[in-house]
Amino acid sequence: MDNVSVQDIDRVSQIFKVLSDVTRLKIVLAVKAGEKNVTTIANEVGMEQSAVSHQLRLLRDNRVVKTRRQGKAILYTVDDAHVLDILEQTFKHIQHH
């Protein structure tokens, strides 16, 4: 980590900002096991579909989730395993005595 640029620091900070929102974190955890559509995600996190769609757009713009079209449906899942690694390490940290 000696050669970390200011741009890299800014990007890391942005990822943590995106993941720091409770709603977005719930959405990421909802799609960690596999692809889901907006309706399924909204039901799992107990929110309106329009609100979930807005948060998914932010998550997608920051490459936390990705999409795949299946017919008329858009399916969401975690963009890559690094996102889950970050969350797993963070949960381990808070559970550490």
PDB file of N, CA and C in Angstrom:
ATOM      1  N   MET A   1       0.819  -1.205   0.000  1.00  0.00           N
ATOM      2  CA  MET A   1       0.000   0.000   0.000  1.00  0.00           C
ATOM      3  C   MET A   1       0.853   1.256   0.000  1.00  0.00           C
ATOM      4  N   ASP A   2       2.126   1.097  -0.249  1.00  0.00           N
ATOM      5  CA  ASP A   2       3.014   2.256  -0.273  1.00  0.00           C
ATOM      6  C   ASP A   2       2.756   3.166  -1.469  1.00  0.00           C
ATOM      7  N   ASN A   3       2.320   2.594  -2.578  1.00  0.00           N
ATOM      8  CA  ASN A   3       2.143   3.366  -3.804  1.00  0.00           C
ATOM      9  C   ASN A   3       0.685   3.715  -4.064  1.00  0.00           C
ATOM     10  N   VAL A   4      -0.020   4.129  -3.053  1.00  0.00           N
ATOM     11  CA  VAL A   4      -1.426   4.484  -3.192  1.00  0.00           C
ATOM     12  C   VAL A   4      -1.529   5.944  -3.611  1.00  0.00           C
ATOM     13  N   SER A   5      -2.249   6.174  -4.700  1.00  0.00           N
ATOM     14  CA  SER A   5      -2.400   7.534  -5.207  1.00  0.00           C
ATOM     15  C   SER A   5      -3.559   8.242  -4.506  1.00  0.00           C
ATOM     16  N   VAL A   6      -3.604   9.540  -4.656  1.00  0.00           N
ATOM     17  CA  VAL A   6      -4.707  10.335  -4.115  1.00  0.00           C
ATOM     18  C   VAL A   6      -6.010   9.898  -4.780  1.00  0.00           C
ATOM     19  N   GLN A   7      -5.942   9.590  -6.068  1.00  0.00           N
ATOM     20  CA  GLN A   7      -7.131   9.118  -6.783  1.00  0.00           C
ATOM     21  C   GLN A   7      -7.631   7.799  -6.190  1.00  0.00           C
ATOM     22  N   ASP A   8      -6.717   6.896  -5.873  1.00  0.00           N
ATOM     23  CA  ASP A   8      -7.103   5.624  -5.252  1.00  0.00           C
ATOM     24  C   ASP A   8      -7.761   5.854  -3.892  1.00  0.00           C
ATOM     25  N   ILE A   9      -7.215   6.758  -3.118  1.00  0.00           N
ATOM     26  CA  ILE A   9      -7.788   7.079  -1.804  1.00  0.00           C
ATOM     27  C   ILE A   9      -9.200   7.625  -1.970  1.00  0.00           C
ATOM     28  N   ASP A  10      -9.393   8.495  -2.942  1.00  0.00           N
ATOM     29  CA  ASP A  10     -10.724   9.043  -3.211  1.00  0.00           C
ATOM     30  C   ASP A  10     -11.714   7.939  -3.596  1.00  0.00           C
ATOM     31  N   ARG A  11     -11.273   6.994  -4.414  1.00  0.00           N
ATOM     32  CA  ARG A  11     -12.153   5.912  -4.858  1.00  0.00           C
ATOM     33  C   ARG A  11     -12.511   4.987  -3.698  1.00  0.00           C
ATOM     34  N   VAL A  12     -11.541   4.690  -2.835  1.00  0.00           N
ATOM     35  CA  VAL A  12     -11.811   3.859  -1.659  1.00  0.00           C
ATOM     36  C   VAL A  12     -12.806   4.571  -0.739  1.00  0.00           C
ATOM     37  N   SER A  13     -12.603   5.850  -0.544  1.00  0.00           N
ATOM     38  CA  SER A  13     -13.508   6.632   0.292  1.00  0.00           C
ATOM     39  C   SER A  13     -14.929   6.591  -0.271  1.00  0.00           C
ATOM     40  N   GLN A  14     -15.067   6.690  -1.577  1.00  0.00           N
ATOM     41  CA  GLN A  14     -16.386   6.657  -2.215  1.00  0.00           C
ATOM     42  C   GLN A  14     -17.067   5.303  -2.009  1.00  0.00           C
ATOM     43  N   ILE A  15     -16.306   4.224  -2.115  1.00  0.00           N
ATOM     44  CA  ILE A  15     -16.873   2.891  -1.888  1.00  0.00           C
ATOM     45  C   ILE A  15     -17.403   2.773  -0.459  1.00  0.00           C
ATOM     46  N   PHE A  16     -16.608   3.252   0.509  1.00  0.00           N
ATOM     47  CA  PHE A  16     -17.064   3.190   1.897  1.00  0.00           C
ATOM     48  C   PHE A  16     -18.278   4.078   2.127  1.00  0.00           C
ATOM     49  N   LYS A  17     -18.351   5.216   1.453  1.00  0.00           N
ATOM     50  CA  LYS A  17     -19.539   6.072   1.562  1.00  0.00           C
ATOM     51  C   LYS A  17     -20.763   5.340   1.038  1.00  0.00           C
ATOM     52  N   VAL A  18     -20.616   4.681  -0.091  1.00  0.00           N
ATOM     53  CA  VAL A  18     -21.733   3.948  -0.679  1.00  0.00           C
ATOM     54  C   VAL A  18     -22.171   2.819   0.248  1.00  0.00           C
ATOM     55  N   LEU A  19     -21.221   2.094   0.807  1.00  0.00           N
ATOM     56  CA  LEU A  19     -21.545   0.958   1.671  1.00  0.00           C
ATOM     57  C   LEU A  19     -21.977   1.375   3.074  1.00  0.00           C
ATOM     58  N   SER A  20     -21.774   2.633   3.435  1.00  0.00           N
ATOM     59  CA  SER A  20     -22.099   3.071   4.792  1.00  0.00           C
ATOM     60  C   SER A  20     -23.591   3.312   5.005  1.00  0.00           C
ATOM     61  N   ASP A  21     -24.351   3.382   3.934  1.00  0.00           N
ATOM     62  CA  ASP A  21     -25.788   3.605   4.044  1.00  0.00           C
ATOM     63  C   ASP A  21     -26.481   2.280   4.398  1.00  0.00           C
ATOM     64  N   VAL A  22     -27.316   2.288   5.423  1.00  0.00           N
ATOM     65  CA  VAL A  22     -27.971   1.073   5.912  1.00  0.00           C
ATOM     66  C   VAL A  22     -28.808   0.418   4.814  1.00  0.00           C
ATOM     67  N   THR A  23     -29.550   1.203   4.088  1.00  0.00           N
ATOM     68  CA  THR A  23     -30.390   0.660   3.019  1.00  0.00           C
ATOM     69  C   THR A  23     -29.555  -0.017   1.946  1.00  0.00           C
ATOM     70  N   ARG A  24     -28.497   0.656   1.506  1.00  0.00           N
ATOM     71  CA  ARG A  24     -27.650   0.071   0.461  1.00  0.00           C
ATOM     72  C   ARG A  24     -26.949  -1.182   0.976  1.00  0.00           C
ATOM     73  N   LEU A  25     -26.548  -1.184   2.221  1.00  0.00           N
ATOM     74  CA  LEU A  25     -25.909  -2.366   2.799  1.00  0.00           C
ATOM     75  C   LEU A  25     -26.891  -3.540   2.829  1.00  0.00           C
ATOM     76  N   LYS A  26     -28.136  -3.288   3.208  1.00  0.00           N
ATOM     77  CA  LYS A  26     -29.150  -4.346   3.197  1.00  0.00           C
ATOM     78  C   LYS A  26     -29.345  -4.894   1.783  1.00  0.00           C
ATOM     79  N   ILE A  27     -29.340  -4.020   0.798  1.00  0.00           N
ATOM     80  CA  ILE A  27     -29.516  -4.445  -0.591  1.00  0.00           C
ATOM     81  C   ILE A  27     -28.353  -5.321  -1.026  1.00  0.00           C
ATOM     82  N   VAL A  28     -27.134  -4.909  -0.710  1.00  0.00           N
ATOM     83  CA  VAL A  28     -25.965  -5.712  -1.084  1.00  0.00           C
ATOM     84  C   VAL A  28     -26.043  -7.085  -0.429  1.00  0.00           C
ATOM     85  N   LEU A  29     -26.403  -7.128   0.837  1.00  0.00           N
ATOM     86  CA  LEU A  29     -26.517  -8.410   1.525  1.00  0.00           C
ATOM     87  C   LEU A  29     -27.642  -9.267   0.933  1.00  0.00           C
ATOM     88  N   ALA A  30     -28.689  -8.624   0.427  1.00  0.00           N
ATOM     89  CA  ALA A  30     -29.794  -9.357  -0.189  1.00  0.00           C
ATOM     90  C   ALA A  30     -29.374 -10.034  -1.495  1.00  0.00           C
ATOM     91  N   VAL A  31     -28.450  -9.422  -2.225  1.00  0.00           N
ATOM     92  CA  VAL A  31     -28.051  -9.986  -3.528  1.00  0.00           C
ATOM     93  C   VAL A  31     -26.744 -10.771  -3.468  1.00  0.00           C
ATOM     94  N   LYS A  32     -26.192 -10.927  -2.285  1.00  0.00           N
ATOM     95  CA  LYS A  32     -24.893 -11.607  -2.197  1.00  0.00           C
ATOM     96  C   LYS A  32     -24.973 -13.075  -2.593  1.00  0.00           C
ATOM     97  N   ALA A  33     -26.124 -13.702  -2.396  1.00  0.00           N
ATOM     98  CA  ALA A  33     -26.258 -15.130  -2.687  1.00  0.00           C
ATOM     99  C   ALA A  33     -26.580 -15.410  -4.153  1.00  0.00           C
ATOM    100  N   GLY A  34     -26.931 -14.378  -4.890  1.00  0.00           N
ATOM    101  CA  GLY A  34     -27.258 -14.605  -6.289  1.00  0.00           C
ATOM    102  C   GLY A  34     -28.145 -13.521  -6.857  1.00  0.00           C
ATOM    103  N   GLU A  35     -28.477 -13.685  -8.113  1.00  0.00           N
ATOM    104  CA  GLU A  35     -29.235 -12.678  -8.840  1.00  0.00           C
ATOM    105  C   GLU A  35     -30.676 -12.572  -8.342  1.00  0.00           C
ATOM    106  N   LYS A  36     -31.128 -11.323  -8.253  1.00  0.00           N
ATOM    107  CA  LYS A  36     -32.507 -11.047  -7.854  1.00  0.00           C
ATOM    108  C   LYS A  36     -33.008  -9.836  -8.620  1.00  0.00           C
ATOM    109  N   ASN A  37     -34.319  -9.797  -8.855  1.00  0.00           N
ATOM    110  CA  ASN A  37     -34.890  -8.622  -9.504  1.00  0.00           C
ATOM    111  C   ASN A  37     -35.271  -7.583  -8.445  1.00  0.00           C
ATOM    112  N   VAL A  38     -35.650  -6.406  -8.893  1.00  0.00           N
ATOM    113  CA  VAL A  38     -35.942  -5.294  -7.978  1.00  0.00           C
ATOM    114  C   VAL A  38     -37.096  -5.642  -7.040  1.00  0.00           C
ATOM    115  N   THR A  39     -38.114  -6.299  -7.553  1.00  0.00           N
ATOM    116  CA  THR A  39     -39.272  -6.641  -6.722  1.00  0.00           C
ATOM    117  C   THR A  39     -38.875  -7.554  -5.571  1.00  0.00           C
ATOM    118  N   THR A  40     -38.083  -8.552  -5.865  1.00  0.00           N
ATOM    119  CA  THR A  40     -37.628  -9.485  -4.827  1.00  0.00           C
ATOM    120  C   THR A  40     -36.772  -8.759  -3.793  1.00  0.00           C
ATOM    121  N   ILE A  41     -35.859  -7.921  -4.265  1.00  0.00           N
ATOM    122  CA  ILE A  41     -35.001  -7.161  -3.344  1.00  0.00           C
ATOM    123  C   ILE A  41     -35.849  -6.253  -2.470  1.00  0.00           C
ATOM    124  N   ALA A  42     -36.800  -5.543  -3.073  1.00  0.00           N
ATOM    125  CA  ALA A  42     -37.662  -4.624  -2.321  1.00  0.00           C
ATOM    126  C   ALA A  42     -38.433  -5.369  -1.234  1.00  0.00           C
ATOM    127  N   ASN A  43     -38.941  -6.543  -1.562  1.00  0.00           N
ATOM    128  CA  ASN A  43     -39.668  -7.345  -0.563  1.00  0.00           C
ATOM    129  C   ASN A  43     -38.747  -7.781   0.569  1.00  0.00           C
ATOM    130  N   GLU A  44     -37.522  -8.185   0.231  1.00  0.00           N
ATOM    131  CA  GLU A  44     -36.587  -8.662   1.255  1.00  0.00           C
ATOM    132  C   GLU A  44     -36.130  -7.557   2.197  1.00  0.00           C
ATOM    133  N   VAL A  45     -35.965  -6.350   1.679  1.00  0.00           N
ATOM    134  CA  VAL A  45     -35.484  -5.254   2.535  1.00  0.00           C
ATOM    135  C   VAL A  45     -36.627  -4.395   3.074  1.00  0.00           C
ATOM    136  N   GLY A  46     -37.864  -4.709   2.672  1.00  0.00           N
ATOM    137  CA  GLY A  46     -39.035  -4.004   3.200  1.00  0.00           C
ATOM    138  C   GLY A  46     -39.132  -2.565   2.757  1.00  0.00           C
ATOM    139  N   MET A  47     -38.893  -2.330   1.477  1.00  0.00           N
ATOM    140  CA  MET A  47     -38.930  -0.961   0.940  1.00  0.00           C
ATOM    141  C   MET A  47     -39.749  -0.921  -0.338  1.00  0.00           C
ATOM    142  N   GLU A  48     -40.116   0.286  -0.735  1.00  0.00           N
ATOM    143  CA  GLU A  48     -40.796   0.482  -2.012  1.00  0.00           C
ATOM    144  C   GLU A  48     -39.823   0.199  -3.153  1.00  0.00           C
ATOM    145  N   GLN A  49     -40.359  -0.329  -4.233  1.00  0.00           N
ATOM    146  CA  GLN A  49     -39.536  -0.682  -5.379  1.00  0.00           C
ATOM    147  C   GLN A  49     -38.808   0.531  -5.959  1.00  0.00           C
ATOM    148  N   SER A  50     -39.456   1.693  -5.986  1.00  0.00           N
ATOM    149  CA  SER A  50     -38.818   2.892  -6.546  1.00  0.00           C
ATOM    150  C   SER A  50     -37.616   3.320  -5.711  1.00  0.00           C
ATOM    151  N   ALA A  51     -37.723   3.202  -4.390  1.00  0.00           N
ATOM    152  CA  ALA A  51     -36.604   3.559  -3.516  1.00  0.00           C
ATOM    153  C   ALA A  51     -35.441   2.587  -3.701  1.00  0.00           C
ATOM    154  N   VAL A  52     -35.757   1.307  -3.846  1.00  0.00           N
ATOM    155  CA  VAL A  52     -34.719   0.298  -4.068  1.00  0.00           C
ATOM    156  C   VAL A  52     -34.037   0.536  -5.406  1.00  0.00           C
ATOM    157  N   SER A  53     -34.815   0.862  -6.424  1.00  0.00           N
ATOM    158  CA  SER A  53     -34.251   1.144  -7.750  1.00  0.00           C
ATOM    159  C   SER A  53     -33.254   2.296  -7.692  1.00  0.00           C
ATOM    160  N   HIS A  54     -33.609   3.329  -6.947  1.00  0.00           N
ATOM    161  CA  HIS A  54     -32.707   4.483  -6.800  1.00  0.00           C
ATOM    162  C   HIS A  54     -31.391   4.054  -6.145  1.00  0.00           C
ATOM    163  N   GLN A  55     -31.478   3.272  -5.082  1.00  0.00           N
ATOM    164  CA  GLN A  55     -30.270   2.826  -4.386  1.00  0.00           C
ATOM    165  C   GLN A  55     -29.453   1.868  -5.254  1.00  0.00           C
ATOM    166  N   LEU A  56     -30.131   1.020  -6.010  1.00  0.00           N
ATOM    167  CA  LEU A  56     -29.422   0.110  -6.915  1.00  0.00           C
ATOM    168  C   LEU A  56     -28.648   0.884  -7.978  1.00  0.00           C
ATOM    169  N   ARG A  57     -29.199   1.986  -8.431  1.00  0.00           N
ATOM    170  CA  ARG A  57     -28.501   2.821  -9.419  1.00  0.00           C
ATOM    171  C   ARG A  57     -27.183   3.351  -8.832  1.00  0.00           C
ATOM    172  N   LEU A  58     -27.231   3.806  -7.582  1.00  0.00           N
ATOM    173  CA  LEU A  58     -26.009   4.283  -6.926  1.00  0.00           C
ATOM    174  C   LEU A  58     -24.998   3.153  -6.750  1.00  0.00           C
ATOM    175  N   LEU A  59     -25.491   1.989  -6.355  1.00  0.00           N
ATOM    176  CA  LEU A  59     -24.608   0.839  -6.180  1.00  0.00           C
ATOM    177  C   LEU A  59     -23.999   0.406  -7.510  1.00  0.00           C
ATOM    178  N   ARG A  60     -24.786   0.439  -8.555  1.00  0.00           N
ATOM    179  CA  ARG A  60     -24.288   0.062  -9.888  1.00  0.00           C
ATOM    180  C   ARG A  60     -23.273   1.086 -10.394  1.00  0.00           C
ATOM    181  N   ASP A  61     -23.563   2.362 -10.206  1.00  0.00           N
ATOM    182  CA  ASP A  61     -22.640   3.427 -10.645  1.00  0.00           C
ATOM    183  C   ASP A  61     -21.283   3.320  -9.971  1.00  0.00           C
ATOM    184  N   ASN A  62     -21.266   2.765  -8.773  1.00  0.00           N
ATOM    185  CA  ASN A  62     -20.015   2.610  -8.019  1.00  0.00           C
ATOM    186  C   ASN A  62     -19.461   1.187  -8.096  1.00  0.00           C
ATOM    187  N   ARG A  63     -19.991   0.407  -9.012  1.00  0.00           N
ATOM    188  CA  ARG A  63     -19.514  -0.947  -9.300  1.00  0.00           C
ATOM    189  C   ARG A  63     -19.568  -1.878  -8.081  1.00  0.00           C
ATOM    190  N   VAL A  64     -20.580  -1.678  -7.254  1.00  0.00           N
ATOM    191  CA  VAL A  64     -20.800  -2.568  -6.118  1.00  0.00           C
ATOM    192  C   VAL A  64     -21.723  -3.711  -6.546  1.00  0.00           C
ATOM    193  N   VAL A  65     -22.712  -3.392  -7.383  1.00  0.00           N
ATOM    194  CA  VAL A  65     -23.566  -4.419  -7.970  1.00  0.00           C
ATOM    195  C   VAL A  65     -23.488  -4.315  -9.485  1.00  0.00           C
ATOM    196  N   LYS A  66     -23.873  -5.403 -10.133  1.00  0.00           N
ATOM    197  CA  LYS A  66     -23.930  -5.411 -11.597  1.00  0.00           C
ATOM    198  C   LYS A  66     -25.279  -5.965 -12.018  1.00  0.00           C
ATOM    199  N   THR A  67     -25.610  -5.757 -13.278  1.00  0.00           N
ATOM    200  CA  THR A  67     -26.902  -6.185 -13.788  1.00  0.00           C
ATOM    201  C   THR A  67     -26.735  -7.162 -14.948  1.00  0.00           C
ATOM    202  N   ARG A  68     -27.812  -7.910 -15.138  1.00  0.00           N
ATOM    203  CA  ARG A  68     -27.907  -8.790 -16.299  1.00  0.00           C
ATOM    204  C   ARG A  68     -29.368  -8.812 -16.707  1.00  0.00           C
ATOM    205  N   ARG A  69     -29.594  -8.660 -18.003  1.00  0.00           N
ATOM    206  CA  ARG A  69     -30.971  -8.691 -18.500  1.00  0.00           C
ATOM    207  C   ARG A  69     -31.358 -10.135 -18.821  1.00  0.00           C
ATOM    208  N   GLN A  70     -32.555 -10.513 -18.344  1.00  0.00           N
ATOM    209  CA  GLN A  70     -33.122 -11.813 -18.683  1.00  0.00           C
ATOM    210  C   GLN A  70     -34.546 -11.547 -19.161  1.00  0.00           C
ATOM    211  N   GLY A  71     -34.706 -11.515 -20.476  1.00  0.00           N
ATOM    212  CA  GLY A  71     -36.001 -11.126 -21.041  1.00  0.00           C
ATOM    213  C   GLY A  71     -36.275  -9.679 -20.698  1.00  0.00           C
ATOM    214  N   LYS A  72     -37.417  -9.439 -20.049  1.00  0.00           N
ATOM    215  CA  LYS A  72     -37.761  -8.073 -19.644  1.00  0.00           C
ATOM    216  C   LYS A  72     -37.208  -7.717 -18.265  1.00  0.00           C
ATOM    217  N   ALA A  73     -36.750  -8.715 -17.535  1.00  0.00           N
ATOM    218  CA  ALA A  73     -36.283  -8.502 -16.158  1.00  0.00           C
ATOM    219  C   ALA A  73     -34.818  -8.085 -16.126  1.00  0.00           C
ATOM    220  N   ILE A  74     -34.500  -7.219 -15.182  1.00  0.00           N
ATOM    221  CA  ILE A  74     -33.117  -6.859 -14.884  1.00  0.00           C
ATOM    222  C   ILE A  74     -32.778  -7.541 -13.560  1.00  0.00           C
ATOM    223  N   LEU A  75     -31.721  -8.326 -13.571  1.00  0.00           N
ATOM    224  CA  LEU A  75     -31.300  -9.044 -12.375  1.00  0.00           C
ATOM    225  C   LEU A  75     -30.038  -8.399 -11.812  1.00  0.00           C
ATOM    226  N   TYR A  76     -29.987  -8.285 -10.508  1.00  0.00           N
ATOM    227  CA  TYR A  76     -28.870  -7.646  -9.816  1.00  0.00           C
ATOM    228  C   TYR A  76     -28.123  -8.670  -8.988  1.00  0.00           C
ATOM    229  N   THR A  77     -26.813  -8.501  -8.923  1.00  0.00           N
ATOM    230  CA  THR A  77     -25.969  -9.306  -8.059  1.00  0.00           C
ATOM    231  C   THR A  77     -24.744  -8.487  -7.687  1.00  0.00           C
ATOM    232  N   VAL A  78     -23.973  -8.978  -6.743  1.00  0.00           N
ATOM    233  CA  VAL A  78     -22.747  -8.297  -6.331  1.00  0.00           C
ATOM    234  C   VAL A  78     -21.776  -8.285  -7.520  1.00  0.00           C
ATOM    235  N   ASP A  79     -21.108  -7.166  -7.725  1.00  0.00           N
ATOM    236  CA  ASP A  79     -20.228  -7.009  -8.886  1.00  0.00           C
ATOM    237  C   ASP A  79     -19.070  -7.993  -8.881  1.00  0.00           C
ATOM    238  N   ASP A  80     -18.407  -8.151  -7.744  1.00  0.00           N
ATOM    239  CA  ASP A  80     -17.332  -9.143  -7.651  1.00  0.00           C
ATOM    240  C   ASP A  80     -17.098  -9.525  -6.192  1.00  0.00           C
ATOM    241  N   ALA A  81     -16.306 -10.564  -6.007  1.00  0.00           N
ATOM    242  CA  ALA A  81     -16.078 -11.109  -4.664  1.00  0.00           C
ATOM    243  C   ALA A  81     -15.384 -10.122  -3.735  1.00  0.00           C
ATOM    244  N   HIS A  82     -14.688  -9.134  -4.270  1.00  0.00           N
ATOM    245  CA  HIS A  82     -14.003  -8.160  -3.415  1.00  0.00           C
ATOM    246  C   HIS A  82     -14.985  -7.404  -2.529  1.00  0.00           C
ATOM    247  N   VAL A  83     -16.160  -7.110  -3.060  1.00  0.00           N
ATOM    248  CA  VAL A  83     -17.184  -6.416  -2.270  1.00  0.00           C
ATOM    249  C   VAL A  83     -17.558  -7.267  -1.063  1.00  0.00           C
ATOM    250  N   LEU A  84     -17.759  -8.560  -1.302  1.00  0.00           N
ATOM    251  CA  LEU A  84     -18.105  -9.458  -0.194  1.00  0.00           C
ATOM    252  C   LEU A  84     -16.947  -9.609   0.778  1.00  0.00           C
ATOM    253  N   ASP A  85     -15.721  -9.599   0.267  1.00  0.00           N
ATOM    254  CA  ASP A  85     -14.541  -9.666   1.142  1.00  0.00           C
ATOM    255  C   ASP A  85     -14.499  -8.469   2.089  1.00  0.00           C
ATOM    256  N   ILE A  86     -14.764  -7.285   1.546  1.00  0.00           N
ATOM    257  CA  ILE A  86     -14.777  -6.067   2.366  1.00  0.00           C
ATOM    258  C   ILE A  86     -15.813  -6.199   3.472  1.00  0.00           C
ATOM    259  N   LEU A  87     -17.010  -6.630   3.110  1.00  0.00           N
ATOM    260  CA  LEU A  87     -18.078  -6.762   4.100  1.00  0.00           C
ATOM    261  C   LEU A  87     -17.760  -7.847   5.125  1.00  0.00           C
ATOM    262  N   GLU A  88     -17.243  -8.972   4.671  1.00  0.00           N
ATOM    263  CA  GLU A  88     -16.907 -10.051   5.593  1.00  0.00           C
ATOM    264  C   GLU A  88     -15.858  -9.606   6.604  1.00  0.00           C
ATOM    265  N   GLN A  89     -14.820  -8.940   6.138  1.00  0.00           N
ATOM    266  CA  GLN A  89     -13.775  -8.464   7.042  1.00  0.00           C
ATOM    267  C   GLN A  89     -14.318  -7.419   8.015  1.00  0.00           C
ATOM    268  N   THR A  90     -15.224  -6.577   7.545  1.00  0.00           N
ATOM    269  CA  THR A  90     -15.807  -5.556   8.418  1.00  0.00           C
ATOM    270  C   THR A  90     -16.670  -6.198   9.495  1.00  0.00           C
ATOM    271  N   PHE A  91     -17.489  -7.184   9.110  1.00  0.00           N
ATOM    272  CA  PHE A  91     -18.297  -7.878  10.113  1.00  0.00           C
ATOM    273  C   PHE A  91     -17.411  -8.619  11.114  1.00  0.00           C
ATOM    274  N   LYS A  92     -16.351  -9.240  10.651  1.00  0.00           N
ATOM    275  CA  LYS A  92     -15.421  -9.910  11.563  1.00  0.00           C
ATOM    276  C   LYS A  92     -14.800  -8.903  12.527  1.00  0.00           C
ATOM    277  N   HIS A  93     -14.468  -7.731  12.007  1.00  0.00           N
ATOM    278  CA  HIS A  93     -13.850  -6.696  12.856  1.00  0.00           C
ATOM    279  C   HIS A  93     -14.799  -6.264  13.968  1.00  0.00           C
ATOM    280  N   ILE A  94     -16.074  -6.035  13.641  1.00  0.00           N
ATOM    281  CA  ILE A  94     -16.999  -5.559  14.677  1.00  0.00           C
ATOM    282  C   ILE A  94     -17.342  -6.653  15.683  1.00  0.00           C
ATOM    283  N   GLN A  95     -17.205  -7.918  15.277  1.00  0.00           N
ATOM    284  CA  GLN A  95     -17.500  -9.027  16.189  1.00  0.00           C
ATOM    285  C   GLN A  95     -16.294  -9.444  17.026  1.00  0.00           C
ATOM    286  N   HIS A  96     -15.140  -8.897  16.688  1.00  0.00           N
ATOM    287  CA  HIS A  96     -13.909  -9.213  17.410  1.00  0.00           C
ATOM    288  C   HIS A  96     -13.948  -8.572  18.800  1.00  0.00           C
ATOM    289  N   HIS A  97     -13.540  -9.316  19.788  1.00  0.00           N
ATOM    290  CA  HIS A  97     -13.579  -8.788  21.177  1.00  0.00           C
ATOM    291  C   HIS A  97     -12.340  -8.022  21.474  1.00  0.00           C
TER     292      HIS A  97
END
